[in-house]
Amino acid sequence: MTSAEVTDLMYDFFILAVQLGGPVLIVSMLVGVLISILQAATQIHEQTITFVPKLIVIGLMLIMTGSTMLQTLQDFMARIFVLMAG
């Protein structure tokens, strides 16, 4: 593998990481902000209140998009193995 191929592969890896992790992180942050607004409005400042809704939403996101994420990772790994083989 040439250095240009390795550079392209690393670029694709970082793009893939953003594509896979980005939606889950964004939804988790939105849920956190909504819970924070609710806590500020009700003046209930309990740290564990944000944990359960985030956990549920992240779990649902992974259930809904997990197969697509796995297929994307499998395609990327197959591409890496093809490049390694020659």
PDB file of N, CA and C in Angstrom:
ATOM      1  N   MET A   1       0.841  -1.180   0.000  1.00  0.00           N
ATOM      2  CA  MET A   1       0.000   0.000   0.000  1.00  0.00           C
ATOM      3  C   MET A   1       0.883   1.239   0.000  1.00  0.00           C
ATOM      4  N   THR A   2       0.500   2.171  -0.798  1.00  0.00           N
ATOM      5  CA  THR A   2       1.252   3.420  -0.857  1.00  0.00           C
ATOM      6  C   THR A   2       0.753   4.367   0.234  1.00  0.00           C
ATOM      7  N   SER A   3       1.501   5.413   0.435  1.00  0.00           N
ATOM      8  CA  SER A   3       1.104   6.386   1.457  1.00  0.00           C
ATOM      9  C   SER A   3      -0.180   7.113   1.059  1.00  0.00           C
ATOM     10  N   ALA A   4      -0.416   7.283  -0.231  1.00  0.00           N
ATOM     11  CA  ALA A   4      -1.655   7.918  -0.680  1.00  0.00           C
ATOM     12  C   ALA A   4      -2.860   7.037  -0.358  1.00  0.00           C
ATOM     13  N   GLU A   5      -2.720   5.727  -0.531  1.00  0.00           N
ATOM     14  CA  GLU A   5      -3.810   4.808  -0.192  1.00  0.00           C
ATOM     15  C   GLU A   5      -4.097   4.809   1.296  1.00  0.00           C
ATOM     16  N   VAL A   6      -3.040   4.858   2.097  1.00  0.00           N
ATOM     17  CA  VAL A   6      -3.208   4.898   3.547  1.00  0.00           C
ATOM     18  C   VAL A   6      -3.884   6.196   3.966  1.00  0.00           C
ATOM     19  N   THR A   7      -3.491   7.303   3.361  1.00  0.00           N
ATOM     20  CA  THR A   7      -4.110   8.591   3.669  1.00  0.00           C
ATOM     21  C   THR A   7      -5.587   8.585   3.299  1.00  0.00           C
ATOM     22  N   ASP A   8      -5.919   8.063   2.119  1.00  0.00           N
ATOM     23  CA  ASP A   8      -7.322   7.966   1.719  1.00  0.00           C
ATOM     24  C   ASP A   8      -8.106   7.070   2.662  1.00  0.00           C
ATOM     25  N   LEU A   9      -7.485   5.986   3.077  1.00  0.00           N
ATOM     26  CA  LEU A   9      -8.143   5.056   3.998  1.00  0.00           C
ATOM     27  C   LEU A   9      -8.401   5.712   5.354  1.00  0.00           C
ATOM     28  N   MET A  10      -7.450   6.463   5.854  1.00  0.00           N
ATOM     29  CA  MET A  10      -7.639   7.158   7.135  1.00  0.00           C
ATOM     30  C   MET A  10      -8.716   8.231   7.024  1.00  0.00           C
ATOM     31  N   TYR A  11      -8.756   8.936   5.905  1.00  0.00           N
ATOM     32  CA  TYR A  11      -9.802   9.940   5.686  1.00  0.00           C
ATOM     33  C   TYR A  11     -11.171   9.271   5.682  1.00  0.00           C
ATOM     34  N   ASP A  12     -11.281   8.164   4.964  1.00  0.00           N
ATOM     35  CA  ASP A  12     -12.550   7.427   4.925  1.00  0.00           C
ATOM     36  C   ASP A  12     -12.930   6.903   6.300  1.00  0.00           C
ATOM     37  N   PHE A  13     -11.925   6.501   7.087  1.00  0.00           N
ATOM     38  CA  PHE A  13     -12.190   6.013   8.439  1.00  0.00           C
ATOM     39  C   PHE A  13     -12.781   7.116   9.314  1.00  0.00           C
ATOM     40  N   PHE A  14     -12.216   8.314   9.240  1.00  0.00           N
ATOM     41  CA  PHE A  14     -12.732   9.412  10.055  1.00  0.00           C
ATOM     42  C   PHE A  14     -14.134   9.824   9.617  1.00  0.00           C
ATOM     43  N   ILE A  15     -14.383   9.820   8.316  1.00  0.00           N
ATOM     44  CA  ILE A  15     -15.728  10.114   7.818  1.00  0.00           C
ATOM     45  C   ILE A  15     -16.704   9.049   8.304  1.00  0.00           C
ATOM     46  N   LEU A  16     -16.292   7.799   8.273  1.00  0.00           N
ATOM     47  CA  LEU A  16     -17.136   6.698   8.742  1.00  0.00           C
ATOM     48  C   LEU A  16     -17.436   6.828  10.236  1.00  0.00           C
ATOM     49  N   ALA A  17     -16.439   7.214  11.016  1.00  0.00           N
ATOM     50  CA  ALA A  17     -16.641   7.388  12.455  1.00  0.00           C
ATOM     51  C   ALA A  17     -17.659   8.489  12.739  1.00  0.00           C
ATOM     52  N   VAL A  18     -17.598   9.569  11.979  1.00  0.00           N
ATOM     53  CA  VAL A  18     -18.570  10.655  12.156  1.00  0.00           C
ATOM     54  C   VAL A  18     -19.962  10.200  11.725  1.00  0.00           C
ATOM     55  N   GLN A  19     -20.044   9.453  10.623  1.00  0.00           N
ATOM     56  CA  GLN A  19     -21.335   8.973  10.142  1.00  0.00           C
ATOM     57  C   GLN A  19     -21.981   8.000  11.124  1.00  0.00           C
ATOM     58  N   LEU A  20     -21.188   7.160  11.758  1.00  0.00           N
ATOM     59  CA  LEU A  20     -21.743   6.172  12.684  1.00  0.00           C
ATOM     60  C   LEU A  20     -22.027   6.752  14.062  1.00  0.00           C
ATOM     61  N   GLY A  21     -21.132   7.573  14.566  1.00  0.00           N
ATOM     62  CA  GLY A  21     -21.295   8.102  15.911  1.00  0.00           C
ATOM     63  C   GLY A  21     -22.070   9.401  16.000  1.00  0.00           C
ATOM     64  N   GLY A  22     -22.078  10.156  14.924  1.00  0.00           N
ATOM     65  CA  GLY A  22     -22.708  11.465  14.929  1.00  0.00           C
ATOM     66  C   GLY A  22     -24.180  11.470  15.281  1.00  0.00           C
ATOM     67  N   PRO A  23     -25.003  10.679  14.590  1.00  0.00           N
ATOM     68  CA  PRO A  23     -26.438  10.712  14.901  1.00  0.00           C
ATOM     69  C   PRO A  23     -26.766  10.339  16.342  1.00  0.00           C
ATOM     70  N   VAL A  24     -26.077   9.349  16.874  1.00  0.00           N
ATOM     71  CA  VAL A  24     -26.333   8.939  18.260  1.00  0.00           C
ATOM     72  C   VAL A  24     -25.922  10.052  19.220  1.00  0.00           C
ATOM     73  N   LEU A  25     -24.784  10.681  18.966  1.00  0.00           N
ATOM     74  CA  LEU A  25     -24.332  11.767  19.835  1.00  0.00           C
ATOM     75  C   LEU A  25     -25.256  12.981  19.759  1.00  0.00           C
ATOM     76  N   ILE A  26     -25.716  13.309  18.562  1.00  0.00           N
ATOM     77  CA  ILE A  26     -26.592  14.472  18.412  1.00  0.00           C
ATOM     78  C   ILE A  26     -27.916  14.240  19.134  1.00  0.00           C
ATOM     79  N   VAL A  27     -28.503  13.054  18.955  1.00  0.00           N
ATOM     80  CA  VAL A  27     -29.769  12.754  19.630  1.00  0.00           C
ATOM     81  C   VAL A  27     -29.577  12.744  21.146  1.00  0.00           C
ATOM     82  N   SER A  28     -28.466  12.197  21.600  1.00  0.00           N
ATOM     83  CA  SER A  28     -28.180  12.178  23.036  1.00  0.00           C
ATOM     84  C   SER A  28     -28.035  13.594  23.588  1.00  0.00           C
ATOM     85  N   MET A  29     -27.377  14.462  22.842  1.00  0.00           N
ATOM     86  CA  MET A  29     -27.236  15.851  23.292  1.00  0.00           C
ATOM     87  C   MET A  29     -28.579  16.567  23.310  1.00  0.00           C
ATOM     88  N   LEU A  30     -29.409  16.331  22.313  1.00  0.00           N
ATOM     89  CA  LEU A  30     -30.728  16.969  22.281  1.00  0.00           C
ATOM     90  C   LEU A  30     -31.587  16.526  23.465  1.00  0.00           C
ATOM     91  N   VAL A  31     -31.551  15.241  23.778  1.00  0.00           N
ATOM     92  CA  VAL A  31     -32.303  14.743  24.933  1.00  0.00           C
ATOM     93  C   VAL A  31     -31.757  15.370  26.213  1.00  0.00           C
ATOM     94  N   GLY A  32     -30.449  15.487  26.317  1.00  0.00           N
ATOM     95  CA  GLY A  32     -29.852  16.119  27.488  1.00  0.00           C
ATOM     96  C   GLY A  32     -30.264  17.568  27.650  1.00  0.00           C
ATOM     97  N   VAL A  33     -30.309  18.304  26.543  1.00  0.00           N
ATOM     98  CA  VAL A  33     -30.728  19.714  26.603  1.00  0.00           C
ATOM     99  C   VAL A  33     -32.198  19.815  27.002  1.00  0.00           C
ATOM    100  N   LEU A  34     -33.040  18.964  26.427  1.00  0.00           N
ATOM    101  CA  LEU A  34     -34.462  18.995  26.787  1.00  0.00           C
ATOM    102  C   LEU A  34     -34.675  18.668  28.266  1.00  0.00           C
ATOM    103  N   ILE A  35     -33.974  17.677  28.768  1.00  0.00           N
ATOM    104  CA  ILE A  35     -34.086  17.325  30.190  1.00  0.00           C
ATOM    105  C   ILE A  35     -33.556  18.467  31.052  1.00  0.00           C
ATOM    106  N   SER A  36     -32.481  19.114  30.620  1.00  0.00           N
ATOM    107  CA  SER A  36     -31.930  20.247  31.379  1.00  0.00           C
ATOM    108  C   SER A  36     -32.916  21.401  31.442  1.00  0.00           C
ATOM    109  N   ILE A  37     -33.584  21.676  30.324  1.00  0.00           N
ATOM    110  CA  ILE A  37     -34.598  22.737  30.322  1.00  0.00           C
ATOM    111  C   ILE A  37     -35.739  22.378  31.263  1.00  0.00           C
ATOM    112  N   LEU A  38     -36.156  21.130  31.226  1.00  0.00           N
ATOM    113  CA  LEU A  38     -37.210  20.666  32.123  1.00  0.00           C
ATOM    114  C   LEU A  38     -36.774  20.778  33.583  1.00  0.00           C
ATOM    115  N   GLN A  39     -35.529  20.416  33.872  1.00  0.00           N
ATOM    116  CA  GLN A  39     -35.027  20.522  35.239  1.00  0.00           C
ATOM    117  C   GLN A  39     -34.946  21.978  35.686  1.00  0.00           C
ATOM    118  N   ALA A  40     -34.546  22.868  34.786  1.00  0.00           N
ATOM    119  CA  ALA A  40     -34.466  24.285  35.143  1.00  0.00           C
ATOM    120  C   ALA A  40     -35.855  24.864  35.395  1.00  0.00           C
ATOM    121  N   ALA A  41     -36.829  24.410  34.617  1.00  0.00           N
ATOM    122  CA  ALA A  41     -38.189  24.931  34.787  1.00  0.00           C
ATOM    123  C   ALA A  41     -38.824  24.425  36.075  1.00  0.00           C
ATOM    124  N   THR A  42     -38.515  23.196  36.458  1.00  0.00           N
ATOM    125  CA  THR A  42     -39.126  22.623  37.660  1.00  0.00           C
ATOM    126  C   THR A  42     -38.235  22.738  38.892  1.00  0.00           C
ATOM    127  N   GLN A  43     -37.025  23.215  38.717  1.00  0.00           N
ATOM    128  CA  GLN A  43     -36.034  23.356  39.783  1.00  0.00           C
ATOM    129  C   GLN A  43     -35.731  22.033  40.473  1.00  0.00           C
ATOM    130  N   ILE A  44     -35.760  20.952  39.697  1.00  0.00           N
ATOM    131  CA  ILE A  44     -35.326  19.638  40.189  1.00  0.00           C
ATOM    132  C   ILE A  44     -33.944  19.401  39.596  1.00  0.00           C
ATOM    133  N   HIS A  45     -32.938  19.378  40.441  1.00  0.00           N
ATOM    134  CA  HIS A  45     -31.569  19.246  39.955  1.00  0.00           C
ATOM    135  C   HIS A  45     -30.973  17.915  40.429  1.00  0.00           C
ATOM    136  N   GLU A  46     -31.480  16.859  39.872  1.00  0.00           N
ATOM    137  CA  GLU A  46     -30.993  15.518  40.175  1.00  0.00           C
ATOM    138  C   GLU A  46     -30.207  15.020  38.971  1.00  0.00           C
ATOM    139  N   GLN A  47     -28.987  14.567  39.190  1.00  0.00           N
ATOM    140  CA  GLN A  47     -28.108  14.155  38.097  1.00  0.00           C
ATOM    141  C   GLN A  47     -28.581  12.875  37.417  1.00  0.00           C
ATOM    142  N   THR A  48     -29.232  11.998  38.151  1.00  0.00           N
ATOM    143  CA  THR A  48     -29.620  10.708  37.572  1.00  0.00           C
ATOM    144  C   THR A  48     -30.834  10.810  36.660  1.00  0.00           C
ATOM    145  N   ILE A  49     -31.553  11.932  36.692  1.00  0.00           N
ATOM    146  CA  ILE A  49     -32.743  12.071  35.849  1.00  0.00           C
ATOM    147  C   ILE A  49     -32.364  12.080  34.366  1.00  0.00           C
ATOM    148  N   THR A  50     -31.226  12.631  34.015  1.00  0.00           N
ATOM    149  CA  THR A  50     -30.835  12.687  32.611  1.00  0.00           C
ATOM    150  C   THR A  50     -30.313  11.350  32.099  1.00  0.00           C
ATOM    151  N   PHE A  51     -29.857  10.489  32.995  1.00  0.00           N
ATOM    152  CA  PHE A  51     -29.221   9.246  32.576  1.00  0.00           C
ATOM    153  C   PHE A  51     -30.205   8.280  31.925  1.00  0.00           C
ATOM    154  N   VAL A  52     -31.344   8.054  32.542  1.00  0.00           N
ATOM    155  CA  VAL A  52     -32.292   7.049  32.050  1.00  0.00           C
ATOM    156  C   VAL A  52     -32.881   7.425  30.688  1.00  0.00           C
ATOM    157  N   PRO A  53     -33.367   8.653  30.480  1.00  0.00           N
ATOM    158  CA  PRO A  53     -33.877   8.973  29.135  1.00  0.00           C
ATOM    159  C   PRO A  53     -32.810   8.885  28.043  1.00  0.00           C
ATOM    160  N   LYS A  54     -31.584   9.320  28.351  1.00  0.00           N
ATOM    161  CA  LYS A  54     -30.508   9.199  27.374  1.00  0.00           C
ATOM    162  C   LYS A  54     -30.225   7.736  27.058  1.00  0.00           C
ATOM    163  N   LEU A  55     -30.192   6.899  28.077  1.00  0.00           N
ATOM    164  CA  LEU A  55     -29.932   5.481  27.882  1.00  0.00           C
ATOM    165  C   LEU A  55     -31.010   4.843  27.015  1.00  0.00           C
ATOM    166  N   ILE A  56     -32.260   5.202  27.268  1.00  0.00           N
ATOM    167  CA  ILE A  56     -33.368   4.649  26.487  1.00  0.00           C
ATOM    168  C   ILE A  56     -33.295   5.115  25.037  1.00  0.00           C
ATOM    169  N   VAL A  57     -33.047   6.403  24.826  1.00  0.00           N
ATOM    170  CA  VAL A  57     -32.996   6.938  23.463  1.00  0.00           C
ATOM    171  C   VAL A  57     -31.809   6.362  22.691  1.00  0.00           C
ATOM    172  N   ILE A  58     -30.663   6.253  23.329  1.00  0.00           N
ATOM    173  CA  ILE A  58     -29.500   5.681  22.657  1.00  0.00           C
ATOM    174  C   ILE A  58     -29.758   4.215  22.324  1.00  0.00           C
ATOM    175  N   GLY A  59     -30.363   3.484  23.238  1.00  0.00           N
ATOM    176  CA  GLY A  59     -30.708   2.093  22.962  1.00  0.00           C
ATOM    177  C   GLY A  59     -31.661   1.958  21.786  1.00  0.00           C
ATOM    178  N   LEU A  60     -32.674   2.818  21.736  1.00  0.00           N
ATOM    179  CA  LEU A  60     -33.612   2.784  20.607  1.00  0.00           C
ATOM    180  C   LEU A  60     -32.932   3.148  19.292  1.00  0.00           C
ATOM    181  N   MET A  61     -32.037   4.137  19.344  1.00  0.00           N
ATOM    182  CA  MET A  61     -31.300   4.510  18.132  1.00  0.00           C
ATOM    183  C   MET A  61     -30.447   3.353  17.632  1.00  0.00           C
ATOM    184  N   LEU A  62     -29.789   2.661  18.552  1.00  0.00           N
ATOM    185  CA  LEU A  62     -28.943   1.542  18.147  1.00  0.00           C
ATOM    186  C   LEU A  62     -29.777   0.374  17.633  1.00  0.00           C
ATOM    187  N   ILE A  63     -30.960   0.172  18.205  1.00  0.00           N
ATOM    188  CA  ILE A  63     -31.840  -0.890  17.701  1.00  0.00           C
ATOM    189  C   ILE A  63     -32.312  -0.552  16.288  1.00  0.00           C
ATOM    190  N   MET A  64     -32.667   0.711  16.061  1.00  0.00           N
ATOM    191  CA  MET A  64     -33.188   1.104  14.748  1.00  0.00           C
ATOM    192  C   MET A  64     -32.101   1.160  13.670  1.00  0.00           C
ATOM    193  N   THR A  65     -30.912   1.623  14.019  1.00  0.00           N
ATOM    194  CA  THR A  65     -29.875   1.829  13.006  1.00  0.00           C
ATOM    195  C   THR A  65     -28.693   0.871  13.139  1.00  0.00           C
ATOM    196  N   GLY A  66     -28.770  -0.060  14.066  1.00  0.00           N
ATOM    197  CA  GLY A  66     -27.642  -0.953  14.304  1.00  0.00           C
ATOM    198  C   GLY A  66     -27.288  -1.822  13.118  1.00  0.00           C
ATOM    199  N   SER A  67     -28.286  -2.342  12.418  1.00  0.00           N
ATOM    200  CA  SER A  67     -27.988  -3.213  11.280  1.00  0.00           C
ATOM    201  C   SER A  67     -27.317  -2.433  10.148  1.00  0.00           C
ATOM    202  N   THR A  68     -27.754  -1.195   9.943  1.00  0.00           N
ATOM    203  CA  THR A  68     -27.120  -0.359   8.919  1.00  0.00           C
ATOM    204  C   THR A  68     -25.684  -0.030   9.299  1.00  0.00           C
ATOM    205  N   MET A  69     -25.477   0.271  10.587  1.00  0.00           N
ATOM    206  CA  MET A  69     -24.124   0.547  11.057  1.00  0.00           C
ATOM    207  C   MET A  69     -23.216  -0.662  10.880  1.00  0.00           C
ATOM    208  N   LEU A  70     -23.733  -1.836  11.210  1.00  0.00           N
ATOM    209  CA  LEU A  70     -22.939  -3.053  11.076  1.00  0.00           C
ATOM    210  C   LEU A  70     -22.607  -3.324   9.619  1.00  0.00           C
ATOM    211  N   GLN A  71     -23.551  -3.143   8.724  1.00  0.00           N
ATOM    212  CA  GLN A  71     -23.304  -3.367   7.300  1.00  0.00           C
ATOM    213  C   GLN A  71     -22.252  -2.399   6.772  1.00  0.00           C
ATOM    214  N   THR A  72     -22.323  -1.145   7.219  1.00  0.00           N
ATOM    215  CA  THR A  72     -21.337  -0.147   6.806  1.00  0.00           C
ATOM    216  C   THR A  72     -19.946  -0.532   7.284  1.00  0.00           C
ATOM    217  N   LEU A  73     -19.844  -0.982   8.527  1.00  0.00           N
ATOM    218  CA  LEU A  73     -18.541  -1.414   9.061  1.00  0.00           C
ATOM    219  C   LEU A  73     -18.022  -2.650   8.343  1.00  0.00           C
ATOM    220  N   GLN A  74     -18.910  -3.571   8.015  1.00  0.00           N
ATOM    221  CA  GLN A  74     -18.483  -4.771   7.279  1.00  0.00           C
ATOM    222  C   GLN A  74     -17.963  -4.413   5.899  1.00  0.00           C
ATOM    223  N   ASP A  75     -18.628  -3.504   5.217  1.00  0.00           N
ATOM    224  CA  ASP A  75     -18.166  -3.067   3.894  1.00  0.00           C
ATOM    225  C   ASP A  75     -16.804  -2.393   3.991  1.00  0.00           C
ATOM    226  N   PHE A  76     -16.622  -1.573   5.025  1.00  0.00           N
ATOM    227  CA  PHE A  76     -15.341  -0.895   5.206  1.00  0.00           C
ATOM    228  C   PHE A  76     -14.227  -1.891   5.504  1.00  0.00           C
ATOM    229  N   MET A  77     -14.507  -2.869   6.359  1.00  0.00           N
ATOM    230  CA  MET A  77     -13.496  -3.874   6.685  1.00  0.00           C
ATOM    231  C   MET A  77     -13.164  -4.741   5.474  1.00  0.00           C
ATOM    232  N   ALA A  78     -14.166  -5.075   4.665  1.00  0.00           N
ATOM    233  CA  ALA A  78     -13.906  -5.846   3.459  1.00  0.00           C
ATOM    234  C   ALA A  78     -12.989  -5.051   2.519  1.00  0.00           C
ATOM    235  N   ARG A  79     -13.229  -3.751   2.438  1.00  0.00           N
ATOM    236  CA  ARG A  79     -12.378  -2.898   1.602  1.00  0.00           C
ATOM    237  C   ARG A  79     -10.943  -2.884   2.120  1.00  0.00           C
ATOM    238  N   ILE A  80     -10.784  -2.825   3.438  1.00  0.00           N
ATOM    239  CA  ILE A  80      -9.440  -2.836   4.018  1.00  0.00           C
ATOM    240  C   ILE A  80      -8.741  -4.148   3.726  1.00  0.00           C
ATOM    241  N   PHE A  81      -9.448  -5.271   3.855  1.00  0.00           N
ATOM    242  CA  PHE A  81      -8.836  -6.575   3.594  1.00  0.00           C
ATOM    243  C   PHE A  81      -8.458  -6.738   2.125  1.00  0.00           C
ATOM    244  N   VAL A  82      -9.263  -6.190   1.220  1.00  0.00           N
ATOM    245  CA  VAL A  82      -8.927  -6.231  -0.205  1.00  0.00           C
ATOM    246  C   VAL A  82      -7.661  -5.426  -0.464  1.00  0.00           C
ATOM    247  N   LEU A  83      -7.558  -4.261   0.169  1.00  0.00           N
ATOM    248  CA  LEU A  83      -6.350  -3.453   0.001  1.00  0.00           C
ATOM    249  C   LEU A  83      -5.125  -4.136   0.598  1.00  0.00           C
ATOM    250  N   MET A  84      -5.299  -4.819   1.711  1.00  0.00           N
ATOM    251  CA  MET A  84      -4.171  -5.522   2.340  1.00  0.00           C
ATOM    252  C   MET A  84      -3.716  -6.697   1.497  1.00  0.00           C
ATOM    253  N   ALA A  85      -4.668  -7.362   0.836  1.00  0.00           N
ATOM    254  CA  ALA A  85      -4.327  -8.533   0.036  1.00  0.00           C
ATOM    255  C   ALA A  85      -3.559  -8.144  -1.224  1.00  0.00           C
ATOM    256  N   GLY A  86      -3.761  -6.939  -1.656  1.00  0.00           N
ATOM    257  CA  GLY A  86      -2.920  -6.584  -2.763  1.00  0.00           C
ATOM    258  C   GLY A  86      -3.582  -5.907  -3.885  1.00  0.00           C
TER     259      GLY A  86
END
